[in-house]
Protein backbone atom coordinates (compact mmCIF):
# COMPACT_ATOMS: atom_id res chain seq x y z
CA MET A 1 116.03 89.39 175.12
CA GLN A 2 112.93 90.94 176.67
CA PRO A 3 113.88 94.22 178.54
CA VAL A 4 113.30 94.21 182.25
CA ILE A 5 112.17 97.83 182.13
CA SER A 6 110.32 99.14 178.97
CA VAL A 7 109.26 102.81 178.65
CA LYS A 8 107.46 103.93 175.47
CA GLY A 9 106.13 107.30 174.51
CA LEU A 10 106.29 108.66 178.05
CA ASN A 11 105.33 112.39 178.62
CA LYS A 12 104.60 114.16 181.78
CA THR A 13 103.27 117.59 182.42
CA TYR A 14 102.59 118.81 186.01
CA ALA A 15 99.51 120.88 186.91
CA SER A 16 101.74 123.99 186.83
CA GLY A 17 102.37 123.46 183.12
CA HIS A 18 105.90 122.42 183.57
CA LYS A 19 106.66 119.56 181.20
CA ALA A 20 108.93 117.27 182.96
CA LEU A 21 109.40 114.47 180.51
CA SER A 22 109.07 114.45 176.72
CA ASP A 23 108.52 111.31 174.52
CA ILE A 24 110.80 108.98 176.55
CA ASN A 25 111.68 105.68 174.98
CA LEU A 26 113.89 103.57 177.06
CA ASP A 27 114.68 99.75 177.33
CA ILE A 28 116.68 98.48 180.17
CA HIS A 29 118.27 94.92 179.88
CA PRO A 30 118.17 92.36 182.64
CA GLY A 31 121.20 92.25 184.84
CA GLU A 32 122.81 95.32 183.51
CA ILE A 33 123.96 98.49 185.52
CA PHE A 34 122.33 101.53 183.68
CA ALA A 35 123.40 105.11 184.77
CA LEU A 36 121.01 108.04 184.09
CA LEU A 37 122.82 111.32 183.95
CA GLY A 38 121.67 114.70 183.81
CA PRO A 39 121.81 118.17 185.29
CA ASN A 40 119.45 119.11 188.19
CA GLY A 41 115.78 119.38 187.01
CA ALA A 42 116.47 117.45 183.94
CA GLY A 43 113.86 114.74 184.85
CA LYS A 44 115.83 111.98 186.26
CA THR A 45 113.85 111.72 189.60
CA THR A 46 110.56 112.12 187.94
CA LEU A 47 111.30 109.34 185.51
CA ILE A 48 112.45 106.99 188.36
CA SER A 49 109.29 108.03 190.36
CA ILE A 50 106.90 107.19 187.59
CA ILE A 51 108.43 103.70 186.89
CA CYS A 52 108.27 103.08 190.58
CA GLY A 53 104.51 104.14 191.08
CA ILE A 54 105.24 107.02 193.01
CA VAL A 55 104.21 109.67 190.42
CA ASN A 56 101.34 109.27 187.99
CA PRO A 57 102.48 109.16 184.38
CA GLY A 58 100.98 111.49 181.68
CA ASP A 59 100.77 109.22 178.81
CA GLY A 60 102.80 106.31 177.43
CA GLU A 61 103.41 102.76 178.36
CA ILE A 62 105.76 101.36 181.09
CA GLN A 63 106.46 97.80 181.89
CA ALA A 64 108.52 96.14 184.79
CA ASP A 65 109.64 92.69 184.34
CA GLY A 66 106.77 92.34 181.89
CA TYR A 67 104.08 93.91 184.07
CA ASN A 68 102.29 96.97 183.31
CA ILE A 69 102.84 99.47 186.07
CA ILE A 70 99.28 100.81 185.86
CA SER A 71 96.98 97.76 185.25
CA GLN A 72 99.38 95.44 187.08
CA TYR A 73 100.63 97.75 189.79
CA ARG A 74 101.17 95.16 192.56
CA GLU A 75 103.10 92.70 190.43
CA ALA A 76 105.16 95.36 188.77
CA ARG A 77 106.00 97.23 192.11
CA SER A 78 106.81 93.97 193.83
CA ARG A 79 109.76 93.60 191.37
CA ILE A 80 111.20 97.02 192.11
CA GLY A 81 113.26 98.17 195.13
CA LEU A 82 113.88 102.00 195.48
CA VAL A 83 116.52 103.90 197.43
CA PRO A 84 115.28 107.43 197.19
CA GLN A 85 117.42 110.55 197.14
CA GLU A 86 115.78 111.73 200.36
CA LEU A 87 115.85 110.00 203.69
CA PHE A 88 112.23 108.90 204.55
CA THR A 89 112.32 106.77 207.57
CA ASN A 90 110.11 106.45 210.68
CA ALA A 91 112.46 107.78 213.30
CA PHE A 92 110.88 105.76 216.21
CA GLU A 93 111.17 102.30 214.49
CA SER A 94 114.04 99.87 215.10
CA VAL A 95 116.14 98.81 212.06
CA TRP A 96 114.85 95.27 212.22
CA ALA A 97 111.42 96.36 212.51
CA THR A 98 111.80 98.56 209.46
CA VAL A 99 113.23 95.98 207.19
CA THR A 100 110.71 93.22 208.52
CA PHE A 101 107.72 95.45 207.73
CA SER A 102 109.00 96.51 204.27
CA ARG A 103 109.45 92.75 203.41
CA GLY A 104 105.94 91.91 204.58
CA LEU A 105 104.49 94.83 202.76
CA PHE A 106 105.30 93.16 199.48
CA GLY A 107 103.67 89.89 200.70
CA LYS A 108 107.00 88.03 200.97
CA PRO A 109 107.08 85.23 203.62
CA LYS A 110 109.22 85.75 206.75
CA ASN A 111 112.88 85.03 206.07
CA PRO A 112 115.09 86.25 209.20
CA GLU A 113 118.03 84.55 207.79
CA TYR A 114 117.99 86.62 204.46
CA LEU A 115 117.40 89.80 206.48
CA GLU A 116 120.20 89.02 208.96
CA GLN A 117 122.64 88.53 206.04
CA LEU A 118 121.46 91.69 204.39
CA LEU A 119 122.07 93.72 207.52
CA ARG A 120 125.37 92.18 207.92
CA THR A 121 126.33 92.96 204.42
CA LEU A 122 125.50 96.66 205.01
CA SER A 123 127.22 96.69 208.37
CA LEU A 124 123.97 97.17 210.30
CA TRP A 125 123.65 93.90 212.24
CA ASP A 126 124.97 95.59 215.52
CA LYS A 127 122.34 98.33 214.99
CA LYS A 128 119.37 96.13 214.44
CA ASP A 129 117.69 96.99 217.64
CA SER A 130 118.64 100.70 217.45
CA ARG A 131 115.76 103.32 216.79
CA ILE A 132 116.53 105.06 213.45
CA MET A 133 116.35 108.35 215.05
CA ALA A 134 119.62 107.47 216.88
CA LEU A 135 121.58 106.69 213.83
CA SER A 136 124.00 108.68 211.84
CA GLY A 137 123.12 110.06 208.34
CA GLY A 138 125.39 107.44 206.83
CA MET A 139 123.67 104.77 208.84
CA LYS A 140 120.22 105.99 207.87
CA ARG A 141 121.26 105.66 204.08
CA ARG A 142 122.31 102.06 204.71
CA VAL A 143 118.75 101.41 206.34
CA MET A 144 117.13 102.78 203.14
CA ILE A 145 119.19 100.40 201.00
CA ALA A 146 118.13 97.51 203.34
CA LYS A 147 114.44 98.65 203.09
CA ALA A 148 114.82 98.55 199.25
CA LEU A 149 116.41 95.02 199.25
CA ALA A 150 114.20 93.48 202.05
CA HIS A 151 111.69 91.95 199.52
CA GLU A 152 114.43 90.69 197.14
CA PRO A 153 113.56 92.76 194.08
CA LYS A 154 114.76 92.01 190.62
CA ILE A 155 115.25 95.67 189.74
CA LEU A 156 116.90 98.21 192.07
CA PHE A 157 116.73 101.99 191.61
CA LEU A 158 119.30 104.03 193.21
CA ASP A 159 118.58 107.83 193.11
CA GLU A 160 121.71 109.68 194.10
CA PRO A 161 122.61 106.89 196.48
CA THR A 162 126.10 108.20 197.58
CA ALA A 163 125.10 111.88 197.93
CA GLY A 164 126.53 113.10 201.18
CA VAL A 165 127.84 109.79 202.45
CA ASP A 166 131.32 108.89 203.71
CA VAL A 167 133.87 107.15 201.64
CA ASP A 168 133.58 103.88 203.42
CA LEU A 169 129.90 103.56 202.68
CA ARG A 170 130.28 104.55 199.09
CA ARG A 171 132.83 101.67 198.70
CA ASP A 172 130.62 99.23 200.46
CA MET A 173 127.67 100.39 198.24
CA TRP A 174 129.54 99.74 195.03
CA ALA A 175 130.86 96.24 196.14
CA MET A 176 127.24 95.45 197.05
CA VAL A 177 125.93 96.73 193.71
CA ARG A 178 128.54 94.48 191.86
CA LYS A 179 127.50 91.55 194.02
CA LEU A 180 123.70 92.07 193.24
CA ARG A 181 124.46 92.45 189.40
CA GLU A 182 126.24 88.93 189.76
CA GLN A 183 122.97 87.68 191.19
CA GLY A 184 120.90 88.96 188.25
CA VAL A 185 119.70 92.02 189.76
CA THR A 186 119.30 95.02 187.33
CA ILE A 187 120.54 98.27 188.75
CA ILE A 188 119.41 101.74 187.57
CA LEU A 189 121.22 104.70 189.12
CA THR A 190 121.44 108.38 189.09
CA THR A 191 124.51 110.01 190.45
CA HIS A 192 126.31 113.53 190.59
CA TYR A 193 129.53 111.59 190.88
CA ILE A 194 130.06 110.79 187.22
CA GLU A 195 133.36 109.02 187.78
CA GLU A 196 131.25 106.35 189.65
CA ALA A 197 129.09 105.88 186.56
CA GLU A 198 132.22 105.56 184.34
CA GLU A 199 133.62 102.96 186.65
CA MET A 200 130.28 100.97 187.28
CA ALA A 201 127.81 101.36 184.52
CA ASP A 202 127.43 99.07 181.46
CA ARG A 203 125.30 101.75 179.59
CA ILE A 204 124.66 105.39 179.94
CA GLY A 205 121.64 107.44 179.38
CA VAL A 206 121.82 111.20 179.29
CA ILE A 207 118.63 113.35 179.95
CA SER A 208 118.43 117.12 179.57
CA LYS A 209 115.21 119.24 179.86
CA GLY A 210 112.91 116.13 179.99
CA GLU A 211 114.36 114.66 176.87
CA LEU A 212 116.49 111.48 176.58
CA ILE A 213 119.23 112.84 174.35
CA LEU A 214 121.37 109.79 174.38
CA VAL A 215 121.46 106.11 175.33
CA GLU A 216 124.61 104.31 174.59
CA ASP A 217 127.00 101.47 175.75
CA LYS A 218 129.54 103.13 177.91
CA ALA A 219 132.58 101.86 176.03
CA THR A 220 131.16 102.82 172.62
CA LEU A 221 130.21 106.22 173.96
CA MET A 222 133.67 107.00 175.18
CA ASN A 223 135.10 105.64 172.13
CA LYS A 224 132.54 107.53 169.57
CA LEU A 225 132.42 110.85 171.48
CA GLY A 226 135.65 110.88 173.44
CA ARG A 227 138.49 113.14 172.29
CA LYS A 228 142.13 112.83 172.80
CA GLN A 229 144.67 115.40 173.82
CA LEU A 230 148.43 115.44 172.97
CA ARG A 231 150.38 117.82 175.30
CA LEU A 232 153.72 118.72 174.04
CA HIS A 233 156.09 120.19 176.71
CA LEU A 234 158.31 122.68 174.90
CA GLN A 235 162.07 123.22 175.20
CA GLN A 236 161.59 126.92 175.08
CA PRO A 237 158.37 128.89 176.02
CA LEU A 238 156.56 130.72 173.13
CA ASP A 239 155.08 134.10 173.49
CA ALA A 240 152.30 133.21 170.98
CA LEU A 241 151.13 130.54 168.74
CA PRO A 242 152.63 131.20 165.10
CA ALA A 243 149.95 132.25 162.58
CA GLU A 244 150.48 129.22 160.40
CA PHE A 245 149.00 127.04 163.29
CA SER A 246 145.85 129.05 163.42
CA GLY A 247 143.91 126.33 161.68
CA TYR A 248 144.76 123.52 163.90
CA PRO A 249 142.94 122.44 167.05
CA LEU A 250 145.94 123.65 168.91
CA GLU A 251 146.19 125.79 172.14
CA LEU A 252 149.07 127.36 173.86
CA SER A 253 148.99 127.18 177.62
CA ASP A 254 149.07 130.35 179.76
CA SER A 255 152.63 129.76 180.76
CA GLY A 256 153.73 129.33 177.14
CA ASP A 257 155.69 126.27 177.71
CA GLU A 258 153.02 123.70 176.47
CA LEU A 259 151.05 123.01 173.39
CA ILE A 260 147.71 121.10 173.64
CA TYR A 261 146.47 119.44 170.51
CA THR A 262 143.00 117.98 170.49
CA TYR A 263 141.90 115.41 168.00
CA ASP A 264 139.17 113.06 167.20
CA THR A 265 139.83 109.25 168.03
CA GLN A 266 137.45 108.24 165.21
CA ALA A 267 139.15 110.30 162.39
CA GLU A 268 140.89 108.56 159.68
CA HIS A 269 143.88 110.72 160.24
CA THR A 270 144.84 112.23 163.60
CA GLY A 271 147.06 114.86 162.05
CA ILE A 272 149.75 114.36 164.70
CA ALA A 273 152.43 113.47 162.16
CA GLU A 274 151.95 116.60 160.00
CA LEU A 275 151.77 118.71 163.24
CA LEU A 276 155.05 117.50 164.48
CA LYS A 277 156.56 118.02 161.06
CA ARG A 278 155.40 121.61 160.95
CA LEU A 279 156.55 122.18 164.63
CA ASN A 280 159.92 120.91 163.63
CA SER A 281 160.16 123.27 160.47
CA HIS A 282 159.55 126.33 162.89
CA ASN A 283 162.35 124.99 165.15
CA ILE A 284 159.73 124.43 167.92
CA ASP A 285 161.31 121.62 169.79
CA PHE A 286 159.70 119.73 172.73
CA LYS A 287 161.19 117.66 175.50
CA ASP A 288 158.34 115.41 176.31
CA LEU A 289 154.86 114.52 175.23
CA GLN A 290 151.72 113.07 177.03
CA SER A 291 148.20 111.83 175.72
CA SER A 292 145.11 111.66 177.51
CA GLN A 293 141.44 110.76 176.65
CA SER A 294 138.36 112.76 177.63
CA SER A 295 136.44 111.31 180.76
CA LEU A 296 132.69 110.54 180.91
CA GLU A 297 132.22 113.87 182.62
CA ASP A 298 133.82 115.62 179.67
CA ILE A 299 131.42 114.03 177.37
CA PHE A 300 128.43 114.45 179.65
CA VAL A 301 129.17 118.37 179.76
CA ASN A 302 129.60 118.60 176.11
CA LEU A 303 126.33 116.82 175.35
CA VAL A 304 124.25 118.82 177.77
CA ARG A 305 125.87 122.10 176.40
CA GLU A 306 125.12 121.01 172.81
CA ASN A 307 121.50 120.43 173.80
CA PRO A 308 120.37 123.63 175.59
């Protein structure tokens, strides 16, 4: 299957000498939700801006839906919708004028029925004649989404789309994203809310200091790099962990009434049976146990920490 976004050997160095991106190679599949994660300044927005034609690339080749973003700019850009992190809207225009103009900008024929449905989906129809300057921040964010979708793009970039918005809008947005994916639209998002990526994304990319350090199917990533913890609630608190257990990935809680054992889900042997046997031989009894698996946020933090 041909990728809908193809990035090969992309580098970007700004005039100041700052190298924002280093040898980025990335293929994004049609109809997937791809989450790009990274700390502030990692290069997420620069990468998106280059693909969308807002920032000039250094070197490398990028295609959007088979079109080169440089030599076939209009064709490539018409396939892309972008919801930027910052709110850039003409405060004096009405909502309807904004989405109508955005659709016409890409040479699309008039389709008031589509635009009406779009505004209704985003709970903007009753605001269609309102000037954007009169709208709340959440409503302005909805307008940005409507603008990005007005020309019916096949690829939608969402750069921190739910930053600073209310819970209702966040819920509406993710419902809309799922519906767009069902219609075949490819979604690429960046987010600080990693739990959203964990819930929504099919694949995860992690970028740090301009380098793409990992691209992986979400389920595979969490299975491969995830760690499990077994928490043993003790019958009697311990003052300290016995010396015999110093070689185990075992911690004693500050209160002394809980042991936390961390193990690799991919290891041939978890070591749990041996641990329980040794605890019993030391007359360390527990009244309850719980297991939990590391979240995508835990994995992300560890990856970034390991790639300083």
